[in-house]
Amino acid sequence: MVKTRSKWVPALTASVLVAGIVISGCSKGSDSPSPSGGTNKASEERIKMTMFYNEAGIKTPQSLDRSNNPLIKIVEDYANVDLEFDIPPYAEYTTKHNLVLSSGKLPDIFHSTIPDETFKAARDGAFIDLKKYYDNSPMLQKVVTPAMMELGKDPVSGKYFRIPMAYDKGPQGSGVLARYDLVQKYNDGKWPGTIPEWIDLMRKIKKAEPDSVPMAFRVIGDNMFNYGGGPIYYMYGAAPYSYRIEGGKVIPNVLTAEFKEASKVMRDLYTEGLLDKEFATSDGTKYFAKKAENNVLWEWNGMDQILPAQVSLTLPTATANQKKQVWSVAPPLTTYPAVVKDKKYATYGVALPISGHGLYIPASNKNPDRAFKVIEGFAQDQLRDKIFWGDEGDTYTMKDGKRVANPDKMSAEEHAWKRQYAFLFGYTDGQDAQNANFEAKLGKDIFTNIQNGMKVIQKEAENIGLDGMVGYAEPDEVLKKNAEIMQAINKFTTEYIMSRISEQEFNAAIADWEKKYRALKYDPMQKFLDANKADLIKKGYKKAGW
């Protein structure tokens, strides 16, 4: 754990993959009165405040002192404070977050990316309701809109414990990201239109280059079937840990015919040697190594990830093999498997306009007015401009009255780390700066090809509407069992893929899972859906009417 102290402090963190810059424009705000009055800065005493935050994998240059830099000074001077930060290493964040929550010794400002646990603590009195502060802050309302605040409130108590991170500026939808250079080399530049065509492409790659691993997993905790493990299941509309709504009923995907057929395909891929033999234990380090050197063909991911990922392959840290790779967005299948009841189940919607990140003020804070001033300080236009565009003459230049990105400077860690302060703006903000950087770094052809693919996926996502059930919070008894529920799915699915159990045993394991967990996990969701169907549809969750 790194503990950083003072004067010009840093801020927060989040979860972003690679270089790239996010930006945005926003109208200028002015100081807003605190609900309790507040005093003139000139007469205020400058005080020290503590803050805990998640650096979320955004790398910080070794030479940077996060407690002493011009960016955080913008916030400190606005709030008239000196900040002291507790910043756990990214890999240790969840453990440290929960330890801090359970200790009762909370900092003055708490950044959390785990809302369920933090809301639970808030309901027990750990954090204050921030609505009165928010209502008196026009500047903050320009960044985090009233609609976002509504979405960010605790779904159980209805209180506004957090100021959520906006996440409405970036590309929407998710789909297959794939090696277009391999499509060009082994499929004459034609994207596969069916799952059998994708499998044929994998065979061609493996035959020509036997060391290739066309399909590999990236296991994160109990989540096996995302990223590299996702394409087959998602194209069947059967993401293993998710559900569908069919005829007004909530149905776990593991109980569908689509899930069973997708698992058969996965078993065949494993038997044929197209699926990585160590898929079940392949963590991020192993996965990224295979992506770099072993011709991993595809993964399932969000559209906001593809351009930053491709830019990362142009950086000095990329291997010689990575610098030859061209990743792009594959179009949706032209023909879906016959077992798929409706294409809509294999099409994924748009995300909520907020992320799980949020800033909270503990009830133990002796000066909540000033703590809110710190939060408000992260909504300043000046800070946003520095985060995403940087400095004229360094990360950009002016030409004919317009900003022109300096891609080498914008993509470098010395600038990219500034996104750690996008607590409120969100990491997908600043698309003008981000896209200017991406196009300059990648060249017009690759940039346009990727963007065109993103637009297709986004249009499909918008037709689906919101992907998640707005306002639903799983009961504590479900939260406590979620890891066990996922582990059970992992066990019988992995064993089936590896042919350690028969199809009959696989079906029996699914039936046993249904008996143990379906009612526990999905009956509360069904009850919520039945009671709120019309309101959910009105809010953009069209699936409520499926």
Protein backbone atom coordinates (compact mmCIF):
# COMPACT_ATOMS: atom_id res chain seq x y z
CA MET A 1 0.00 0.00 0.00
CA VAL A 2 1.19 3.48 -0.84
CA LYS A 3 0.32 6.34 1.41
CA THR A 4 0.65 9.73 -0.15
CA ARG A 5 0.57 12.87 1.82
CA SER A 6 -0.45 16.25 1.15
CA LYS A 7 -0.05 19.42 -0.37
CA TRP A 8 -0.85 18.97 -3.92
CA VAL A 9 -2.59 15.71 -3.81
CA PRO A 10 -3.91 13.36 -6.30
CA ALA A 11 -7.23 12.03 -6.72
CA LEU A 12 -8.64 8.92 -7.63
CA THR A 13 -8.80 6.05 -9.82
CA ALA A 14 -10.97 3.89 -11.80
CA SER A 15 -10.61 1.20 -14.24
CA VAL A 16 -9.29 1.80 -17.62
CA LEU A 17 -7.19 -0.35 -19.79
CA VAL A 18 -4.74 1.53 -21.87
CA ALA A 19 -3.46 4.82 -23.03
CA GLY A 20 -5.72 7.30 -24.65
CA ILE A 21 -7.18 10.47 -23.38
CA VAL A 22 -10.61 11.41 -22.50
CA ILE A 23 -11.97 14.86 -22.71
CA SER A 24 -14.86 16.97 -22.70
CA GLY A 25 -16.27 20.31 -22.87
CA CYS A 26 -18.37 21.76 -20.19
CA SER A 27 -19.73 25.06 -19.24
CA LYS A 28 -18.03 26.99 -16.58
CA GLY A 29 -19.51 26.93 -13.14
CA SER A 30 -19.11 29.17 -10.18
CA ASP A 31 -18.68 28.53 -6.48
CA SER A 32 -21.97 27.32 -5.08
CA PRO A 33 -23.16 27.89 -1.54
CA SER A 34 -23.02 24.98 0.84
CA PRO A 35 -26.32 24.07 2.43
CA SER A 36 -25.02 25.22 5.76
CA GLY A 37 -23.89 28.58 4.53
CA GLY A 38 -20.14 28.44 4.05
CA THR A 39 -17.68 31.27 4.54
CA ASN A 40 -15.55 33.34 2.22
CA LYS A 41 -12.35 31.57 1.19
CA ALA A 42 -10.27 34.52 2.32
CA SER A 43 -11.44 34.04 5.89
CA GLU A 44 -11.43 30.24 5.84
CA GLU A 45 -8.66 28.39 7.55
CA ARG A 46 -6.88 25.98 5.19
CA ILE A 47 -7.32 22.52 6.64
CA LYS A 48 -6.04 19.01 6.00
CA MET A 49 -8.34 16.29 4.75
CA THR A 50 -7.84 12.62 4.05
CA MET A 51 -9.11 10.66 1.07
CA PHE A 52 -9.08 6.99 0.09
CA TYR A 53 -9.17 6.12 -3.59
CA ASN A 54 -8.74 3.35 -6.15
CA GLU A 55 -6.06 4.01 -8.75
CA ALA A 56 -7.84 1.46 -10.96
CA GLY A 57 -4.96 0.32 -13.05
CA ILE A 58 -4.15 3.74 -14.51
CA LYS A 59 -0.38 3.80 -14.46
CA THR A 60 1.45 6.63 -12.74
CA PRO A 61 4.93 7.67 -13.97
CA GLN A 62 7.60 6.85 -11.40
CA SER A 63 8.87 10.40 -11.48
CA LEU A 64 5.48 11.88 -10.58
CA ASP A 65 4.72 12.95 -7.04
CA ARG A 66 0.99 12.51 -6.77
CA SER A 67 0.99 14.65 -3.63
CA ASN A 68 2.59 17.58 -5.41
CA ASN A 69 1.46 18.39 -8.93
CA PRO A 70 -0.36 21.24 -10.65
CA LEU A 71 -3.54 19.26 -11.32
CA ILE A 72 -4.41 18.45 -7.74
CA LYS A 73 -3.50 21.95 -6.69
CA ILE A 74 -6.45 23.14 -8.78
CA VAL A 75 -8.76 21.14 -6.51
CA GLU A 76 -6.95 21.97 -3.28
CA ASP A 77 -6.98 25.69 -3.94
CA TYR A 78 -10.66 25.61 -4.89
CA ALA A 79 -11.60 23.90 -1.61
CA ASN A 80 -8.83 25.55 0.44
CA VAL A 81 -7.53 22.24 1.75
CA ASP A 82 -4.41 20.12 1.78
CA LEU A 83 -5.23 16.53 0.94
CA GLU A 84 -3.65 13.38 2.29
CA PHE A 85 -4.29 10.20 0.31
CA ASP A 86 -4.44 6.52 1.05
CA ILE A 87 -3.88 4.73 -2.28
CA PRO A 88 -3.69 0.94 -2.18
CA PRO A 89 -2.03 -0.89 -5.09
CA TYR A 90 -4.64 -1.67 -7.73
CA ALA A 91 -4.46 -5.43 -7.17
CA GLU A 92 -5.11 -4.93 -3.45
CA TYR A 93 -7.90 -2.38 -3.77
CA THR A 94 -10.90 -4.61 -3.03
CA THR A 95 -9.28 -6.10 0.08
CA LYS A 96 -8.22 -2.70 1.39
CA HIS A 97 -11.58 -1.14 0.53
CA ASN A 98 -13.45 -3.71 2.60
CA LEU A 99 -10.96 -3.48 5.46
CA VAL A 100 -11.37 0.29 5.62
CA LEU A 101 -15.17 -0.04 5.53
CA SER A 102 -15.24 -2.61 8.32
CA SER A 103 -12.68 -0.78 10.49
CA GLY A 104 -14.95 2.15 11.19
CA LYS A 105 -11.93 4.46 10.73
CA LEU A 106 -12.96 6.18 7.55
CA PRO A 107 -11.16 9.03 5.78
CA ASP A 108 -12.80 12.41 5.17
CA ILE A 109 -13.67 11.45 1.57
CA PHE A 110 -14.12 7.88 0.38
CA HIS A 111 -13.89 6.77 -3.25
CA SER A 112 -15.58 3.43 -3.88
CA THR A 113 -16.06 1.30 -6.96
CA ILE A 114 -18.05 -1.31 -5.01
CA PRO A 115 -21.46 0.33 -4.50
CA ASP A 116 -23.28 -2.67 -3.02
CA GLU A 117 -20.88 -2.96 -0.08
CA THR A 118 -20.63 0.80 0.38
CA PHE A 119 -24.40 1.32 0.29
CA LYS A 120 -24.79 -1.42 2.87
CA ALA A 121 -22.36 0.42 5.18
CA ALA A 122 -24.16 3.69 4.44
CA ARG A 123 -27.49 2.21 5.53
CA ASP A 124 -25.78 1.30 8.79
CA GLY A 125 -24.81 4.94 9.28
CA ALA A 126 -21.30 5.11 7.79
CA PHE A 127 -22.01 7.84 5.20
CA ILE A 128 -24.22 10.92 4.91
CA ASP A 129 -26.92 11.75 2.37
CA LEU A 130 -25.44 14.25 -0.12
CA LYS A 131 -28.66 15.42 -1.78
CA LYS A 132 -28.82 18.82 -0.06
CA TYR A 133 -25.26 19.55 -1.17
CA TYR A 134 -25.89 18.43 -4.71
CA ASP A 135 -29.07 20.51 -5.02
CA ASN A 136 -27.05 23.64 -4.16
CA SER A 137 -24.26 23.01 -6.68
CA PRO A 138 -25.08 24.17 -10.23
CA MET A 139 -21.49 23.46 -11.23
CA LEU A 140 -21.69 19.82 -10.19
CA GLN A 141 -25.12 19.42 -11.79
CA LYS A 142 -23.59 20.27 -15.19
CA VAL A 143 -21.31 17.24 -14.90
CA VAL A 144 -23.47 14.80 -12.94
CA THR A 145 -27.02 15.49 -14.06
CA PRO A 146 -30.11 15.14 -11.84
CA ALA A 147 -31.06 12.02 -13.82
CA MET A 148 -27.64 10.53 -13.03
CA MET A 149 -28.07 11.31 -9.35
CA GLU A 150 -31.40 9.48 -9.39
CA LEU A 151 -29.76 6.44 -10.94
CA GLY A 152 -26.91 6.64 -8.43
CA LYS A 153 -29.00 6.63 -5.28
CA ASP A 154 -29.17 3.65 -2.95
CA PRO A 155 -31.94 1.45 -4.38
CA VAL A 156 -32.86 0.14 -0.92
CA SER A 157 -33.13 3.30 1.19
CA GLY A 158 -33.59 5.78 -1.66
CA LYS A 159 -30.90 8.03 -0.16
CA TYR A 160 -28.19 9.82 -2.11
CA PHE A 161 -25.03 8.63 -0.40
CA ARG A 162 -22.76 8.97 -3.43
CA ILE A 163 -21.92 11.43 -6.15
CA PRO A 164 -21.61 8.99 -9.06
CA MET A 165 -19.13 9.15 -11.92
CA ALA A 166 -20.70 10.18 -15.23
CA TYR A 167 -20.20 7.60 -17.94
CA ASP A 168 -22.33 8.83 -20.82
CA LYS A 169 -19.83 10.28 -23.27
CA GLY A 170 -18.18 7.25 -24.81
CA PRO A 171 -19.06 4.59 -27.38
CA GLN A 172 -21.88 2.24 -26.42
CA GLY A 173 -22.49 -1.46 -26.86
CA SER A 174 -20.32 -4.55 -26.68
CA GLY A 175 -19.34 -7.17 -29.20
CA VAL A 176 -16.52 -9.11 -30.77
CA LEU A 177 -13.15 -7.38 -31.03
CA ALA A 178 -10.90 -9.38 -33.32
CA ARG A 179 -7.57 -9.45 -35.15
CA TYR A 180 -8.45 -7.94 -38.53
CA ASP A 181 -4.91 -8.59 -39.76
CA LEU A 182 -5.59 -12.33 -39.29
CA VAL A 183 -8.93 -11.97 -41.07
CA GLN A 184 -7.07 -10.38 -43.99
CA LYS A 185 -4.32 -12.98 -43.99
CA TYR A 186 -6.41 -16.13 -43.63
CA ASN A 187 -9.92 -15.14 -44.80
CA ASP A 188 -9.25 -12.73 -47.69
CA GLY A 189 -10.33 -9.79 -45.54
CA LYS A 190 -13.89 -11.07 -45.17
CA TRP A 191 -15.41 -11.07 -41.69
CA PRO A 192 -17.00 -14.40 -40.68
CA GLY A 193 -20.80 -14.20 -40.72
CA THR A 194 -21.63 -17.35 -38.78
CA ILE A 195 -20.14 -19.23 -35.84
CA PRO A 196 -18.98 -22.11 -38.11
CA GLU A 197 -17.17 -19.53 -40.26
CA TRP A 198 -15.41 -18.16 -37.17
CA ILE A 199 -14.35 -21.70 -36.24
CA ASP A 200 -13.06 -22.34 -39.78
CA LEU A 201 -10.94 -19.20 -39.47
CA MET A 202 -9.49 -20.47 -36.20
CA ARG A 203 -8.62 -23.75 -37.92
CA LYS A 204 -6.81 -21.93 -40.73
CA ILE A 205 -4.75 -19.94 -38.24
CA LYS A 206 -3.87 -23.02 -36.17
CA LYS A 207 -2.91 -25.05 -39.25
CA ALA A 208 -0.66 -22.33 -40.66
CA GLU A 209 0.87 -21.37 -37.31
CA PRO A 210 0.71 -24.37 -34.91
CA ASP A 211 1.84 -22.33 -31.89
CA SER A 212 -1.27 -20.18 -32.19
CA VAL A 213 -3.91 -20.10 -29.43
CA PRO A 214 -6.93 -18.79 -31.37
CA MET A 215 -9.14 -18.72 -28.27
CA ALA A 216 -7.90 -18.03 -24.75
CA PHE A 217 -9.54 -17.04 -21.47
CA ARG A 218 -8.90 -14.15 -19.12
CA VAL A 219 -10.14 -15.37 -15.75
CA ILE A 220 -10.83 -12.59 -13.24
CA GLY A 221 -11.80 -13.88 -9.82
CA ASP A 222 -14.90 -16.03 -10.29
CA ASN A 223 -15.61 -14.59 -13.74
CA MET A 224 -14.39 -16.95 -16.46
CA PHE A 225 -16.68 -16.26 -19.39
CA ASN A 226 -15.91 -12.69 -20.32
CA TYR A 227 -13.27 -11.20 -22.60
CA GLY A 228 -11.52 -14.11 -24.33
CA GLY A 229 -14.01 -16.62 -22.93
CA GLY A 230 -17.03 -14.62 -24.06
CA PRO A 231 -17.59 -14.66 -27.84
CA ILE A 232 -19.27 -18.05 -28.29
CA TYR A 233 -21.62 -17.69 -25.32
CA TYR A 234 -22.49 -14.08 -26.10
CA MET A 235 -23.20 -14.82 -29.78
CA TYR A 236 -25.59 -17.53 -28.60
CA GLY A 237 -27.25 -14.98 -26.28
CA ALA A 238 -26.25 -17.12 -23.32
CA ALA A 239 -23.73 -15.27 -21.15
CA PRO A 240 -23.40 -17.83 -18.32
CA TYR A 241 -23.86 -15.54 -15.30
CA SER A 242 -26.67 -13.49 -16.78
CA TYR A 243 -30.37 -13.91 -17.55
CA ARG A 244 -32.99 -13.09 -20.15
CA ILE A 245 -36.60 -11.95 -19.93
CA GLU A 246 -38.90 -14.10 -22.04
CA GLY A 247 -42.66 -13.71 -21.91
CA GLY A 248 -42.30 -11.56 -18.82
CA LYS A 249 -40.34 -14.25 -16.96
CA VAL A 250 -36.76 -13.97 -15.76
CA ILE A 251 -34.82 -16.99 -16.99
CA PRO A 252 -31.19 -17.71 -16.03
CA ASN A 253 -29.13 -18.22 -19.18
CA VAL A 254 -27.65 -21.48 -17.88
CA LEU A 255 -31.09 -23.06 -18.17
CA THR A 256 -31.51 -22.23 -21.86
CA ALA A 257 -31.00 -24.46 -24.88
CA GLU A 258 -28.63 -21.78 -26.21
CA PHE A 259 -26.30 -22.19 -23.24
CA LYS A 260 -26.15 -25.94 -23.67
CA GLU A 261 -25.40 -25.73 -27.39
CA ALA A 262 -22.77 -23.03 -26.85
CA SER A 263 -21.10 -25.29 -24.29
CA LYS A 264 -21.03 -28.12 -26.83
CA VAL A 265 -19.26 -25.81 -29.27
CA MET A 266 -16.75 -24.89 -26.58
CA ARG A 267 -16.15 -28.57 -25.84
CA ASP A 268 -15.44 -29.21 -29.52
CA LEU A 269 -13.03 -26.26 -29.66
CA TYR A 270 -11.17 -27.62 -26.64
CA THR A 271 -10.99 -31.14 -28.09
CA GLU A 272 -9.72 -29.79 -31.40
CA GLY A 273 -7.01 -27.71 -29.73
CA LEU A 274 -8.44 -24.34 -30.81
CA LEU A 275 -9.31 -23.40 -27.22
CA ASP A 276 -6.37 -22.89 -24.89
CA LYS A 277 -5.70 -26.06 -22.89
CA GLU A 278 -5.17 -24.02 -19.72
CA PHE A 279 -8.24 -21.82 -20.24
CA ALA A 280 -9.65 -22.57 -16.78
CA THR A 281 -6.61 -21.16 -14.97
CA SER A 282 -5.49 -18.45 -17.38
CA ASP A 283 -5.29 -15.17 -15.49
CA GLY A 284 -4.73 -11.72 -16.97
CA THR A 285 -0.96 -12.09 -17.15
CA LYS A 286 -1.16 -15.34 -19.13
CA TYR A 287 -3.96 -14.03 -21.33
CA PHE A 288 -2.17 -10.85 -22.34
CA ALA A 289 1.02 -12.81 -23.04
CA LYS A 290 -0.91 -15.06 -25.42
CA LYS A 291 -2.61 -12.08 -27.04
CA ALA A 292 0.81 -10.60 -27.62
CA GLU A 293 2.54 -13.63 -29.10
CA ASN A 294 0.14 -16.51 -29.87
CA ASN A 295 -2.47 -15.19 -32.29
CA VAL A 296 -5.47 -14.96 -29.97
CA LEU A 297 -8.16 -14.19 -32.54
CA TRP A 298 -10.95 -12.55 -30.59
CA GLU A 299 -12.57 -11.44 -27.38
CA TRP A 300 -15.85 -9.94 -26.21
CA ASN A 301 -15.51 -6.39 -24.94
CA GLY A 302 -17.04 -2.91 -24.79
CA MET A 303 -16.71 -0.50 -27.69
CA ASP A 304 -14.92 2.01 -25.48
CA GLN A 305 -11.94 -0.37 -25.24
CA ILE A 306 -10.93 -0.96 -28.86
CA LEU A 307 -9.27 2.35 -29.79
CA PRO A 308 -7.22 2.67 -26.57
CA ALA A 309 -6.17 -0.96 -26.95
CA GLN A 310 -5.05 -0.49 -30.56
CA VAL A 311 -3.12 2.66 -29.63
CA SER A 312 -1.32 0.72 -26.89
CA LEU A 313 0.11 -1.55 -29.60
CA THR A 314 1.93 1.42 -31.11
CA LEU A 315 3.72 2.41 -27.91
CA PRO A 316 7.39 1.66 -27.16
CA THR A 317 6.29 -0.92 -24.58
CA ALA A 318 4.62 -3.08 -27.26
CA THR A 319 6.48 -6.13 -28.56
CA ALA A 320 7.51 -6.44 -32.21
CA ASN A 321 4.68 -8.89 -32.77
CA GLN A 322 2.10 -6.64 -31.12
CA LYS A 323 3.08 -3.74 -33.37
CA LYS A 324 1.98 -5.83 -36.38
CA GLN A 325 -1.49 -6.53 -34.92
CA VAL A 326 -4.58 -4.68 -36.11
CA TRP A 327 -7.61 -5.18 -33.90
CA SER A 328 -11.03 -4.03 -35.06
CA VAL A 329 -14.75 -4.45 -34.40
CA ALA A 330 -16.35 -7.47 -36.03
CA PRO A 331 -19.85 -6.93 -37.41
CA PRO A 332 -22.76 -8.87 -35.89
CA LEU A 333 -23.37 -12.34 -37.29
CA THR A 334 -25.28 -12.44 -40.56
CA THR A 335 -26.90 -15.72 -39.52
CA TYR A 336 -27.38 -16.79 -35.91
CA PRO A 337 -27.52 -20.44 -34.77
CA ALA A 338 -30.96 -21.99 -35.29
CA VAL A 339 -31.32 -22.57 -31.54
CA VAL A 340 -31.21 -18.81 -30.79
CA LYS A 341 -34.86 -17.87 -30.22
CA ASP A 342 -34.40 -14.23 -31.17
CA LYS A 343 -31.41 -12.16 -32.25
CA LYS A 344 -32.29 -9.64 -29.55
CA TYR A 345 -31.03 -12.08 -26.91
CA ALA A 346 -27.61 -12.03 -28.57
CA THR A 347 -27.53 -8.23 -28.88
CA TYR A 348 -26.35 -6.22 -25.91
CA GLY A 349 -27.70 -2.85 -24.90
CA VAL A 350 -26.33 0.45 -23.72
CA ALA A 351 -24.81 1.01 -20.31
CA LEU A 352 -26.19 3.22 -17.62
CA PRO A 353 -24.96 6.83 -17.93
CA ILE A 354 -23.09 6.39 -14.65
CA SER A 355 -20.45 3.91 -13.55
CA GLY A 356 -20.07 2.08 -10.25
CA HIS A 357 -17.53 4.66 -9.10
CA GLY A 358 -18.66 7.19 -6.55
CA LEU A 359 -17.47 9.71 -3.97
CA TYR A 360 -18.86 9.50 -0.43
CA ILE A 361 -18.55 11.59 2.72
CA PRO A 362 -18.38 9.57 5.96
CA ALA A 363 -20.63 10.51 8.86
CA SER A 364 -17.48 10.78 11.00
CA ASN A 365 -16.24 13.77 8.95
CA LYS A 366 -16.18 16.85 11.17
CA ASN A 367 -16.34 19.25 8.22
CA PRO A 368 -18.68 17.81 5.58
CA ASP A 369 -19.17 21.23 3.96
CA ARG A 370 -15.49 21.44 3.11
CA ALA A 371 -15.37 17.80 2.05
CA PHE A 372 -18.14 18.50 -0.43
CA LYS A 373 -16.16 21.48 -1.67
CA VAL A 374 -13.37 19.04 -2.53
CA ILE A 375 -15.81 16.85 -4.44
CA GLU A 376 -17.14 19.92 -6.24
CA GLY A 377 -13.56 20.90 -7.08
CA PHE A 378 -13.29 17.80 -9.25
CA ALA A 379 -16.04 19.26 -11.49
CA GLN A 380 -14.07 22.34 -12.56
CA ASP A 381 -13.74 23.05 -16.28
CA GLN A 382 -10.10 23.97 -15.79
CA LEU A 383 -9.37 20.54 -14.34
CA ARG A 384 -11.23 18.76 -17.13
CA ASP A 385 -9.27 20.61 -19.78
CA LYS A 386 -5.97 19.68 -18.16
CA ILE A 387 -6.98 16.03 -17.71
CA PHE A 388 -7.96 15.44 -21.30
CA TRP A 389 -6.21 18.00 -23.50
CA GLY A 390 -3.24 18.76 -21.30
CA ASP A 391 -1.07 21.75 -22.13
CA GLU A 392 -0.66 23.74 -25.33
CA GLY A 393 2.78 23.23 -26.81
CA ASP A 394 3.10 19.85 -25.12
CA THR A 395 0.16 17.48 -25.68
CA TYR A 396 -1.44 19.65 -28.36
CA THR A 397 -0.79 22.62 -30.63
CA MET A 398 -3.10 25.18 -32.21
CA LYS A 399 -3.63 25.22 -35.98
CA ASP A 400 -6.19 27.45 -37.72
CA GLY A 401 -7.85 28.06 -34.39
CA LYS A 402 -8.25 24.35 -33.61
CA ARG A 403 -6.40 22.03 -31.25
CA VAL A 404 -4.23 19.40 -32.90
CA ALA A 405 -3.16 16.44 -30.79
CA ASN A 406 0.49 15.54 -30.33
CA PRO A 407 -0.07 11.76 -30.27
CA ASP A 408 3.25 10.73 -28.76
CA LYS A 409 2.74 13.12 -25.86
CA MET A 410 -0.97 12.43 -25.43
CA SER A 411 -0.52 8.66 -25.35
CA ALA A 412 2.39 8.75 -22.94
CA GLU A 413 1.99 7.87 -19.26
CA GLU A 414 3.05 11.40 -18.40
CA HIS A 415 -0.31 12.58 -19.70
CA ALA A 416 -2.57 9.50 -19.54
CA TRP A 417 -2.23 9.22 -15.75
CA LYS A 418 -4.26 12.42 -15.36
CA ARG A 419 -7.45 10.42 -15.94
CA GLN A 420 -7.10 9.34 -12.32
CA TYR A 421 -8.76 12.66 -11.49
CA ALA A 422 -11.84 12.06 -13.66
CA PHE A 423 -13.88 11.07 -10.59
CA LEU A 424 -16.89 12.97 -11.87
CA PHE A 425 -16.25 13.47 -15.59
CA GLY A 426 -15.72 9.75 -16.20
CA TYR A 427 -13.04 8.05 -18.25
CA THR A 428 -15.03 8.19 -21.48
CA ASP A 429 -15.41 11.97 -21.37
CA GLY A 430 -13.42 14.18 -23.71
CA GLN A 431 -14.13 12.31 -26.91
CA ASP A 432 -12.87 15.22 -29.04
CA ALA A 433 -9.40 15.05 -27.53
CA GLN A 434 -9.40 11.27 -27.37
CA ASN A 435 -10.38 10.83 -31.01
CA ALA A 436 -7.95 13.50 -32.18
CA ASN A 437 -5.21 11.56 -30.43
CA PHE A 438 -6.34 8.17 -31.74
CA GLU A 439 -6.55 9.31 -35.36
CA ALA A 440 -3.16 10.98 -35.20
CA LYS A 441 -1.62 7.88 -33.62
CA LEU A 442 -3.27 5.19 -35.76
CA GLY A 443 -3.65 6.91 -39.10
CA LYS A 444 -6.91 7.72 -40.86
CA ASP A 445 -7.54 4.28 -42.42
CA ILE A 446 -7.29 2.16 -39.26
CA PHE A 447 -9.05 4.79 -37.16
CA THR A 448 -11.97 5.06 -39.62
CA ASN A 449 -12.28 1.29 -39.98
CA ILE A 450 -12.54 0.86 -36.20
CA GLN A 451 -14.96 3.75 -35.79
CA ASN A 452 -17.26 2.44 -38.51
CA GLY A 453 -17.43 -0.91 -36.71
CA MET A 454 -18.16 0.80 -33.41
CA LYS A 455 -21.04 2.75 -34.95
CA VAL A 456 -22.74 -0.46 -36.14
CA ILE A 457 -22.58 -2.00 -32.66
CA GLN A 458 -23.73 1.22 -30.98
CA LYS A 459 -26.79 1.46 -33.25
CA GLU A 460 -27.79 -2.10 -32.36
CA ALA A 461 -27.25 -1.40 -28.66
CA GLU A 462 -29.42 1.71 -28.80
CA ASN A 463 -32.22 -0.33 -30.36
CA ILE A 464 -32.07 -2.72 -27.39
CA GLY A 465 -32.07 0.08 -24.79
CA LEU A 466 -30.53 -0.15 -21.35
CA ASP A 467 -28.77 -3.44 -20.76
CA GLY A 468 -29.28 -3.64 -17.00
CA MET A 469 -32.41 -3.56 -14.85
CA VAL A 470 -32.53 -0.01 -13.51
CA GLY A 471 -32.95 0.33 -9.75
CA TYR A 472 -32.80 -3.34 -8.84
CA ALA A 473 -30.55 -4.23 -5.92
CA GLU A 474 -29.90 -7.82 -4.98
CA PRO A 475 -30.80 -8.70 -1.38
CA ASP A 476 -27.96 -9.36 1.06
CA GLU A 477 -28.65 -13.10 1.06
CA VAL A 478 -28.07 -13.14 -2.73
CA LEU A 479 -24.93 -11.02 -2.53
CA LYS A 480 -23.51 -13.46 -0.01
CA LYS A 481 -24.18 -16.37 -2.36
CA ASN A 482 -23.12 -14.84 -5.69
CA ALA A 483 -19.57 -16.19 -5.59
CA GLU A 484 -20.87 -19.66 -4.80
CA ILE A 485 -23.43 -19.39 -7.62
CA MET A 486 -20.77 -18.41 -10.15
CA GLN A 487 -18.34 -21.06 -8.93
CA ALA A 488 -20.97 -23.75 -9.40
CA ILE A 489 -21.52 -22.63 -13.01
CA ASN A 490 -17.76 -22.57 -13.59
CA LYS A 491 -17.34 -26.08 -12.22
CA PHE A 492 -19.88 -27.94 -14.29
CA THR A 493 -19.24 -25.89 -17.43
CA THR A 494 -15.47 -26.33 -17.26
CA GLU A 495 -15.77 -30.04 -16.58
CA TYR A 496 -18.09 -30.43 -19.55
CA ILE A 497 -15.86 -28.42 -21.89
CA MET A 498 -12.90 -30.60 -20.87
CA SER A 499 -15.00 -33.79 -21.34
CA ARG A 500 -14.57 -34.75 -17.70
CA ILE A 501 -18.32 -35.23 -17.41
CA SER A 502 -20.82 -36.50 -19.96
CA GLU A 503 -23.69 -34.55 -21.48
CA GLN A 504 -26.09 -36.37 -19.18
CA GLU A 505 -24.03 -35.41 -16.13
CA PHE A 506 -23.81 -31.83 -17.43
CA ASN A 507 -27.59 -31.60 -17.70
CA ALA A 508 -27.97 -33.11 -14.22
CA ALA A 509 -25.55 -30.51 -12.80
CA ILE A 510 -27.56 -27.72 -14.40
CA ALA A 511 -30.77 -29.13 -12.92
CA ASP A 512 -29.12 -29.30 -9.49
CA TRP A 513 -27.96 -25.68 -9.87
CA GLU A 514 -31.52 -24.62 -10.70
CA LYS A 515 -32.86 -26.38 -7.62
CA LYS A 516 -30.30 -24.77 -5.31
CA TYR A 517 -30.06 -21.25 -6.67
CA ARG A 518 -32.76 -20.16 -9.11
CA ALA A 519 -35.40 -19.12 -6.59
CA LEU A 520 -32.83 -17.54 -4.28
CA LYS A 521 -31.28 -15.35 -6.96
CA TYR A 522 -34.06 -14.69 -9.43
CA ASP A 523 -37.35 -14.67 -7.49
CA PRO A 524 -36.56 -11.24 -5.94
CA MET A 525 -35.69 -9.93 -9.41
CA GLN A 526 -38.94 -11.32 -10.83
CA LYS A 527 -40.90 -9.64 -8.05
CA PHE A 528 -39.18 -6.32 -8.77
CA LEU A 529 -39.82 -6.67 -12.51
CA ASP A 530 -43.51 -7.44 -11.98
CA ALA A 531 -43.96 -4.46 -9.68
CA ASN A 532 -42.04 -1.95 -11.82
CA LYS A 533 -42.50 -3.08 -15.42
CA ALA A 534 -44.07 0.11 -16.79
CA ASP A 535 -41.59 2.36 -14.97
CA LEU A 536 -38.63 0.28 -16.16
CA ILE A 537 -39.74 0.56 -19.79
CA LYS A 538 -40.25 4.30 -19.35
CA LYS A 539 -36.69 4.62 -18.05
CA GLY A 540 -35.29 2.87 -21.12
CA TYR A 541 -35.12 -0.75 -19.98
CA LYS A 542 -37.06 -2.12 -22.94
CA LYS A 543 -36.29 -5.70 -21.95
CA ALA A 544 -38.92 -5.38 -19.21
CA GLY A 545 -41.51 -5.72 -21.96
CA TRP A 546 -39.96 -8.79 -23.59
